[in-house]
């Protein structure tokens, strides 16, 4: 697949719904399918999960990452 680096802003209700589906998939050991900016893909159940915190001069950022190798 082509390289891609997309950031999508969601409303709070949309974000909460996606997080709930993600949490349920992780808890149940199942893959998670999501569509971001028109592309649908599946995160495998064995993806690595990390949380990153960044602090700058004017802002802070909390980033949840799921990383996996393409199959």
PDB file of N, CA and C in Angstrom:
ATOM      1  N   UNK A   1       0.827  -1.212   0.000  1.00  0.00           N
ATOM      2  CA  UNK A   1       0.000   0.000   0.000  1.00  0.00           C
ATOM      3  C   UNK A   1       0.864   1.267   0.000  1.00  0.00           C
ATOM      4  N   UNK A   2       0.319   2.327  -0.540  1.00  0.00           N
ATOM      5  CA  UNK A   2       1.026   3.611  -0.593  1.00  0.00           C
ATOM      6  C   UNK A   2       1.188   4.183   0.814  1.00  0.00           C
ATOM      7  N   UNK A   3       2.274   4.959   1.010  1.00  0.00           N
ATOM      8  CA  UNK A   3       2.476   5.619   2.309  1.00  0.00           C
ATOM      9  C   UNK A   3       1.322   6.577   2.560  1.00  0.00           C
ATOM     10  N   UNK A   4       0.997   6.762   3.831  1.00  0.00           N
ATOM     11  CA  UNK A   4      -0.133   7.614   4.182  1.00  0.00           C
ATOM     12  C   UNK A   4       0.076   8.139   5.588  1.00  0.00           C
ATOM     13  N   UNK A   5      -0.236   9.397   5.820  1.00  0.00           N
ATOM     14  CA  UNK A   5      -0.149   9.998   7.146  1.00  0.00           C
ATOM     15  C   UNK A   5      -1.310  10.978   7.261  1.00  0.00           C
ATOM     16  N   UNK A   6      -2.407  10.519   7.819  1.00  0.00           N
ATOM     17  CA  UNK A   6      -3.657  11.283   7.878  1.00  0.00           C
ATOM     18  C   UNK A   6      -4.034  11.508   9.329  1.00  0.00           C
ATOM     19  N   UNK A   7      -4.496  12.685   9.634  1.00  0.00           N
ATOM     20  CA  UNK A   7      -5.060  12.969  10.952  1.00  0.00           C
ATOM     21  C   UNK A   7      -6.491  13.413  10.728  1.00  0.00           C
ATOM     22  N   UNK A   8      -7.435  12.790  11.425  1.00  0.00           N
ATOM     23  CA  UNK A   8      -8.851  13.102  11.262  1.00  0.00           C
ATOM     24  C   UNK A   8      -9.388  13.584  12.596  1.00  0.00           C
ATOM     25  N   UNK A   9     -10.102  14.698  12.608  1.00  0.00           N
ATOM     26  CA  UNK A   9     -10.728  15.220  13.826  1.00  0.00           C
ATOM     27  C   UNK A   9     -12.172  14.720  13.863  1.00  0.00           C
ATOM     28  N   UNK A  10     -12.572  14.156  15.006  1.00  0.00           N
ATOM     29  CA  UNK A  10     -13.921  13.628  15.193  1.00  0.00           C
ATOM     30  C   UNK A  10     -14.654  14.439  16.244  1.00  0.00           C
ATOM     31  N   UNK A  11     -15.981  14.435  16.138  1.00  0.00           N
ATOM     32  CA  UNK A  11     -16.789  15.016  17.209  1.00  0.00           C
ATOM     33  C   UNK A  11     -16.633  14.110  18.434  1.00  0.00           C
ATOM     34  N   UNK A  12     -16.944  14.629  19.607  1.00  0.00           N
ATOM     35  CA  UNK A  12     -16.831  13.811  20.819  1.00  0.00           C
ATOM     36  C   UNK A  12     -17.675  12.548  20.730  1.00  0.00           C
ATOM     37  N   UNK A  13     -18.959  12.621  20.292  1.00  0.00           N
ATOM     38  CA  UNK A  13     -19.745  11.376  20.195  1.00  0.00           C
ATOM     39  C   UNK A  13     -19.136  10.360  19.223  1.00  0.00           C
ATOM     40  N   UNK A  14     -18.608  10.811  18.083  1.00  0.00           N
ATOM     41  CA  UNK A  14     -17.976   9.895  17.122  1.00  0.00           C
ATOM     42  C   UNK A  14     -16.732   9.257  17.743  1.00  0.00           C
ATOM     43  N   UNK A  15     -15.924  10.072  18.420  1.00  0.00           N
ATOM     44  CA  UNK A  15     -14.694   9.589  19.042  1.00  0.00           C
ATOM     45  C   UNK A  15     -15.001   8.555  20.122  1.00  0.00           C
ATOM     46  N   UNK A  16     -15.980   8.847  20.951  1.00  0.00           N
ATOM     47  CA  UNK A  16     -16.369   7.920  22.023  1.00  0.00           C
ATOM     48  C   UNK A  16     -16.840   6.590  21.431  1.00  0.00           C
ATOM     49  N   UNK A  17     -17.647   6.656  20.376  1.00  0.00           N
ATOM     50  CA  UNK A  17     -18.145   5.424  19.745  1.00  0.00           C
ATOM     51  C   UNK A  17     -16.987   4.590  19.194  1.00  0.00           C
ATOM     52  N   UNK A  18     -16.019   5.234  18.540  1.00  0.00           N
ATOM     53  CA  UNK A  18     -14.871   4.505  17.994  1.00  0.00           C
ATOM     54  C   UNK A  18     -14.029   3.909  19.111  1.00  0.00           C
ATOM     55  N   UNK A  19     -13.798   4.681  20.180  1.00  0.00           N
ATOM     56  CA  UNK A  19     -13.030   4.152  21.309  1.00  0.00           C
ATOM     57  C   UNK A  19     -13.725   2.961  21.955  1.00  0.00           C
ATOM     58  N   UNK A  20     -15.044   3.026  22.065  1.00  0.00           N
ATOM     59  CA  UNK A  20     -15.794   1.896  22.657  1.00  0.00           C
ATOM     60  C   UNK A  20     -15.645   0.647  21.813  1.00  0.00           C
ATOM     61  N   UNK A  21     -15.785   0.808  20.491  1.00  0.00           N
ATOM     62  CA  UNK A  21     -15.635  -0.349  19.596  1.00  0.00           C
ATOM     63  C   UNK A  21     -14.214  -0.905  19.677  1.00  0.00           C
ATOM     64  N   UNK A  22     -13.225  -0.001  19.736  1.00  0.00           N
ATOM     65  CA  UNK A  22     -11.831  -0.427  19.841  1.00  0.00           C
ATOM     66  C   UNK A  22     -11.600  -1.171  21.151  1.00  0.00           C
ATOM     67  N   UNK A  23     -12.075  -0.616  22.252  1.00  0.00           N
ATOM     68  CA  UNK A  23     -11.892  -1.250  23.564  1.00  0.00           C
ATOM     69  C   UNK A  23     -12.555  -2.622  23.591  1.00  0.00           C
ATOM     70  N   UNK A  24     -13.747  -2.736  23.035  1.00  0.00           N
ATOM     71  CA  UNK A  24     -14.441  -4.037  22.990  1.00  0.00           C
ATOM     72  C   UNK A  24     -13.638  -5.045  22.178  1.00  0.00           C
ATOM     73  N   UNK A  25     -13.101  -4.612  21.024  1.00  0.00           N
ATOM     74  CA  UNK A  25     -12.313  -5.512  20.185  1.00  0.00           C
ATOM     75  C   UNK A  25     -11.063  -5.970  20.929  1.00  0.00           C
ATOM     76  N   UNK A  26     -10.359  -5.043  21.561  1.00  0.00           N
ATOM     77  CA  UNK A  26      -9.143  -5.398  22.303  1.00  0.00           C
ATOM     78  C   UNK A  26      -9.476  -6.365  23.434  1.00  0.00           C
ATOM     79  N   UNK A  27     -10.519  -6.038  24.191  1.00  0.00           N
ATOM     80  CA  UNK A  27     -10.910  -6.878  25.322  1.00  0.00           C
ATOM     81  C   UNK A  27     -11.271  -8.297  24.885  1.00  0.00           C
ATOM     82  N   UNK A  28     -11.881  -8.422  23.707  1.00  0.00           N
ATOM     83  CA  UNK A  28     -12.338  -9.721  23.215  1.00  0.00           C
ATOM     84  C   UNK A  28     -11.319 -10.402  22.305  1.00  0.00           C
ATOM     85  N   UNK A  29     -10.132  -9.804  22.140  1.00  0.00           N
ATOM     86  CA  UNK A  29      -9.096 -10.414  21.310  1.00  0.00           C
ATOM     87  C   UNK A  29      -9.469 -10.498  19.852  1.00  0.00           C
ATOM     88  N   UNK A  30     -10.214  -9.510  19.360  1.00  0.00           N
ATOM     89  CA  UNK A  30     -10.678  -9.523  17.978  1.00  0.00           C
ATOM     90  C   UNK A  30     -10.067  -8.366  17.198  1.00  0.00           C
ATOM     91  N   UNK A  31      -9.992  -8.496  15.872  1.00  0.00           N
ATOM     92  CA  UNK A  31      -9.510  -7.385  15.056  1.00  0.00           C
ATOM     93  C   UNK A  31     -10.507  -6.230  15.088  1.00  0.00           C
ATOM     94  N   UNK A  32     -10.024  -5.043  14.759  1.00  0.00           N
ATOM     95  CA  UNK A  32     -10.839  -3.828  14.788  1.00  0.00           C
ATOM     96  C   UNK A  32     -10.811  -3.194  13.406  1.00  0.00           C
ATOM     97  N   UNK A  33     -11.972  -3.007  12.797  1.00  0.00           N
ATOM     98  CA  UNK A  33     -12.059  -2.381  11.480  1.00  0.00           C
ATOM     99  C   UNK A  33     -12.537  -0.955  11.646  1.00  0.00           C
ATOM    100  N   UNK A  34     -11.855  -0.027  10.970  1.00  0.00           N
ATOM    101  CA  UNK A  34     -12.173   1.397  11.068  1.00  0.00           C
ATOM    102  C   UNK A  34     -11.977   2.031   9.703  1.00  0.00           C
ATOM    103  N   UNK A  35     -12.713   3.096   9.448  1.00  0.00           N
ATOM    104  CA  UNK A  35     -12.516   3.878   8.238  1.00  0.00           C
ATOM    105  C   UNK A  35     -12.022   5.256   8.641  1.00  0.00           C
ATOM    106  N   UNK A  36     -10.907   5.688   8.042  1.00  0.00           N
ATOM    107  CA  UNK A  36     -10.327   6.996   8.321  1.00  0.00           C
ATOM    108  C   UNK A  36     -10.125   7.701   6.981  1.00  0.00           C
ATOM    109  N   UNK A  37     -10.749   8.861   6.835  1.00  0.00           N
ATOM    110  CA  UNK A  37     -10.601   9.674   5.619  1.00  0.00           C
ATOM    111  C   UNK A  37     -10.807   8.843   4.363  1.00  0.00           C
ATOM    112  N   UNK A  38     -11.880   8.055   4.348  1.00  0.00           N
ATOM    113  CA  UNK A  38     -12.266   7.318   3.156  1.00  0.00           C
ATOM    114  C   UNK A  38     -11.597   5.975   2.946  1.00  0.00           C
ATOM    115  N   UNK A  39     -10.658   5.592   3.804  1.00  0.00           N
ATOM    116  CA  UNK A  39     -10.008   4.289   3.652  1.00  0.00           C
ATOM    117  C   UNK A  39     -10.344   3.398   4.835  1.00  0.00           C
ATOM    118  N   UNK A  40     -10.860   2.218   4.517  1.00  0.00           N
ATOM    119  CA  UNK A  40     -11.209   1.239   5.555  1.00  0.00           C
ATOM    120  C   UNK A  40     -10.061   0.249   5.691  1.00  0.00           C
ATOM    121  N   UNK A  41      -9.701  -0.052   6.942  1.00  0.00           N
ATOM    122  CA  UNK A  41      -8.647  -1.028   7.187  1.00  0.00           C
ATOM    123  C   UNK A  41      -8.923  -1.729   8.503  1.00  0.00           C
ATOM    124  N   UNK A  42      -8.228  -2.825   8.717  1.00  0.00           N
ATOM    125  CA  UNK A  42      -8.427  -3.627   9.919  1.00  0.00           C
ATOM    126  C   UNK A  42      -7.139  -3.695  10.719  1.00  0.00           C
ATOM    127  N   UNK A  43      -7.263  -3.393  11.990  1.00  0.00           N
ATOM    128  CA  UNK A  43      -6.156  -3.508  12.937  1.00  0.00           C
ATOM    129  C   UNK A  43      -6.229  -4.922  13.509  1.00  0.00           C
ATOM    130  N   UNK A  44      -5.178  -5.726  13.357  1.00  0.00           N
ATOM    131  CA  UNK A  44      -5.248  -7.093  13.871  1.00  0.00           C
ATOM    132  C   UNK A  44      -5.292  -7.132  15.399  1.00  0.00           C
ATOM    133  N   UNK A  45      -5.806  -8.231  15.915  1.00  0.00           N
ATOM    134  CA  UNK A  45      -5.964  -8.384  17.359  1.00  0.00           C
ATOM    135  C   UNK A  45      -4.633  -8.367  18.095  1.00  0.00           C
ATOM    136  N   UNK A  46      -3.536  -8.723  17.408  1.00  0.00           N
ATOM    137  CA  UNK A  46      -2.236  -8.779  18.077  1.00  0.00           C
ATOM    138  C   UNK A  46      -1.396  -7.510  17.876  1.00  0.00           C
ATOM    139  N   UNK A  47      -2.014  -6.409  17.467  1.00  0.00           N
ATOM    140  CA  UNK A  47      -1.286  -5.146  17.286  1.00  0.00           C
ATOM    141  C   UNK A  47      -0.697  -4.692  18.621  1.00  0.00           C
ATOM    142  N   UNK A  48       0.480  -4.071  18.559  1.00  0.00           N
ATOM    143  CA  UNK A  48       1.098  -3.503  19.761  1.00  0.00           C
ATOM    144  C   UNK A  48       0.398  -2.187  20.092  1.00  0.00           C
ATOM    145  N   UNK A  49       0.164  -1.946  21.374  1.00  0.00           N
ATOM    146  CA  UNK A  49      -0.545  -0.747  21.824  1.00  0.00           C
ATOM    147  C   UNK A  49       0.392   0.067  22.702  1.00  0.00           C
ATOM    148  N   UNK A  50       0.474   1.375  22.422  1.00  0.00           N
ATOM    149  CA  UNK A  50       1.284   2.252  23.262  1.00  0.00           C
ATOM    150  C   UNK A  50       0.569   3.585  23.436  1.00  0.00           C
ATOM    151  N   UNK A  51       0.965   4.290  24.478  1.00  0.00           N
ATOM    152  CA  UNK A  51       0.439   5.625  24.749  1.00  0.00           C
ATOM    153  C   UNK A  51       1.633   6.565  24.827  1.00  0.00           C
ATOM    154  N   UNK A  52       1.527   7.680  24.130  1.00  0.00           N
ATOM    155  CA  UNK A  52       2.624   8.645  24.075  1.00  0.00           C
ATOM    156  C   UNK A  52       2.128   9.995  24.588  1.00  0.00           C
ATOM    157  N   UNK A  53       2.943  10.640  25.407  1.00  0.00           N
ATOM    158  CA  UNK A  53       2.613  11.977  25.904  1.00  0.00           C
ATOM    159  C   UNK A  53       3.719  12.922  25.462  1.00  0.00           C
ATOM    160  N   UNK A  54       3.322  14.022  24.830  1.00  0.00           N
ATOM    161  CA  UNK A  54       4.284  15.036  24.393  1.00  0.00           C
ATOM    162  C   UNK A  54       3.897  16.370  25.023  1.00  0.00           C
ATOM    163  N   UNK A  55       4.916  17.122  25.463  1.00  0.00           N
ATOM    164  CA  UNK A  55       4.680  18.444  26.013  1.00  0.00           C
ATOM    165  C   UNK A  55       5.558  19.423  25.262  1.00  0.00           C
ATOM    166  N   UNK A  56       4.946  20.483  24.747  1.00  0.00           N
ATOM    167  CA  UNK A  56       5.685  21.528  24.058  1.00  0.00           C
ATOM    168  C   UNK A  56       5.548  22.827  24.822  1.00  0.00           C
ATOM    169  N   UNK A  57       5.998  23.878  24.206  1.00  0.00           N
ATOM    170  CA  UNK A  57       5.912  25.206  24.830  1.00  0.00           C
ATOM    171  C   UNK A  57       4.461  25.630  25.047  1.00  0.00           C
ATOM    172  N   UNK A  58       3.609  25.359  24.048  1.00  0.00           N
ATOM    173  CA  UNK A  58       2.245  25.886  24.060  1.00  0.00           C
ATOM    174  C   UNK A  58       1.150  24.829  24.145  1.00  0.00           C
ATOM    175  N   UNK A  59       1.501  23.553  24.113  1.00  0.00           N
ATOM    176  CA  UNK A  59       0.449  22.537  24.111  1.00  0.00           C
ATOM    177  C   UNK A  59       0.993  21.199  24.611  1.00  0.00           C
ATOM    178  N   UNK A  60       0.064  20.302  24.902  1.00  0.00           N
ATOM    179  CA  UNK A  60       0.391  18.927  25.263  1.00  0.00           C
ATOM    180  C   UNK A  60      -0.417  18.009  24.369  1.00  0.00           C
ATOM    181  N   UNK A  61       0.086  16.794  24.197  1.00  0.00           N
ATOM    182  CA  UNK A  61      -0.576  15.846  23.311  1.00  0.00           C
ATOM    183  C   UNK A  61      -0.537  14.464  23.934  1.00  0.00           C
ATOM    184  N   UNK A  62      -1.660  13.769  23.851  1.00  0.00           N
ATOM    185  CA  UNK A  62      -1.757  12.370  24.256  1.00  0.00           C
ATOM    186  C   UNK A  62      -2.111  11.591  23.003  1.00  0.00           C
ATOM    187  N   UNK A  63      -1.289  10.624  22.670  1.00  0.00           N
ATOM    188  CA  UNK A  63      -1.495   9.870  21.444  1.00  0.00           C
ATOM    189  C   UNK A  63      -1.544   8.388  21.778  1.00  0.00           C
ATOM    190  N   UNK A  64      -2.601   7.720  21.355  1.00  0.00           N
ATOM    191  CA  UNK A  64      -2.728   6.274  21.513  1.00  0.00           C
ATOM    192  C   UNK A  64      -2.364   5.660  20.169  1.00  0.00           C
ATOM    193  N   UNK A  65      -1.412   4.744  20.175  1.00  0.00           N
ATOM    194  CA  UNK A  65      -0.954   4.148  18.927  1.00  0.00           C
ATOM    195  C   UNK A  65      -1.166   2.648  18.939  1.00  0.00           C
ATOM    196  N   UNK A  66      -1.627   2.152  17.804  1.00  0.00           N
ATOM    197  CA  UNK A  66      -1.694   0.710  17.562  1.00  0.00           C
ATOM    198  C   UNK A  66      -0.774   0.462  16.370  1.00  0.00           C
ATOM    199  N   UNK A  67       0.221  -0.403  16.547  1.00  0.00           N
ATOM    200  CA  UNK A  67       1.221  -0.632  15.507  1.00  0.00           C
ATOM    201  C   UNK A  67       1.238  -2.121  15.164  1.00  0.00           C
ATOM    202  N   UNK A  68       1.268  -2.416  13.849  1.00  0.00           N
ATOM    203  CA  UNK A  68       1.314  -3.790  13.385  1.00  0.00           C
ATOM    204  C   UNK A  68       2.014  -3.861  12.042  1.00  0.00           C
ATOM    205  N   UNK A  69       2.418  -5.049  11.670  1.00  0.00           N
ATOM    206  CA  UNK A  69       3.047  -5.276  10.374  1.00  0.00           C
ATOM    207  C   UNK A  69       1.960  -5.658   9.374  1.00  0.00           C
ATOM    208  N   UNK A  70       2.017  -5.084   8.162  1.00  0.00           N
ATOM    209  CA  UNK A  70       1.027  -5.467   7.141  1.00  0.00           C
ATOM    210  C   UNK A  70       1.122  -6.957   6.847  1.00  0.00           C
ATOM    211  N   UNK A  71       0.009  -7.522   6.534  1.00  0.00           N
ATOM    212  CA  UNK A  71      -0.012  -8.970   6.251  1.00  0.00           C
ATOM    213  C   UNK A  71      -0.269  -9.219   4.801  1.00  0.00           C
TER     214      UNK A  71
END
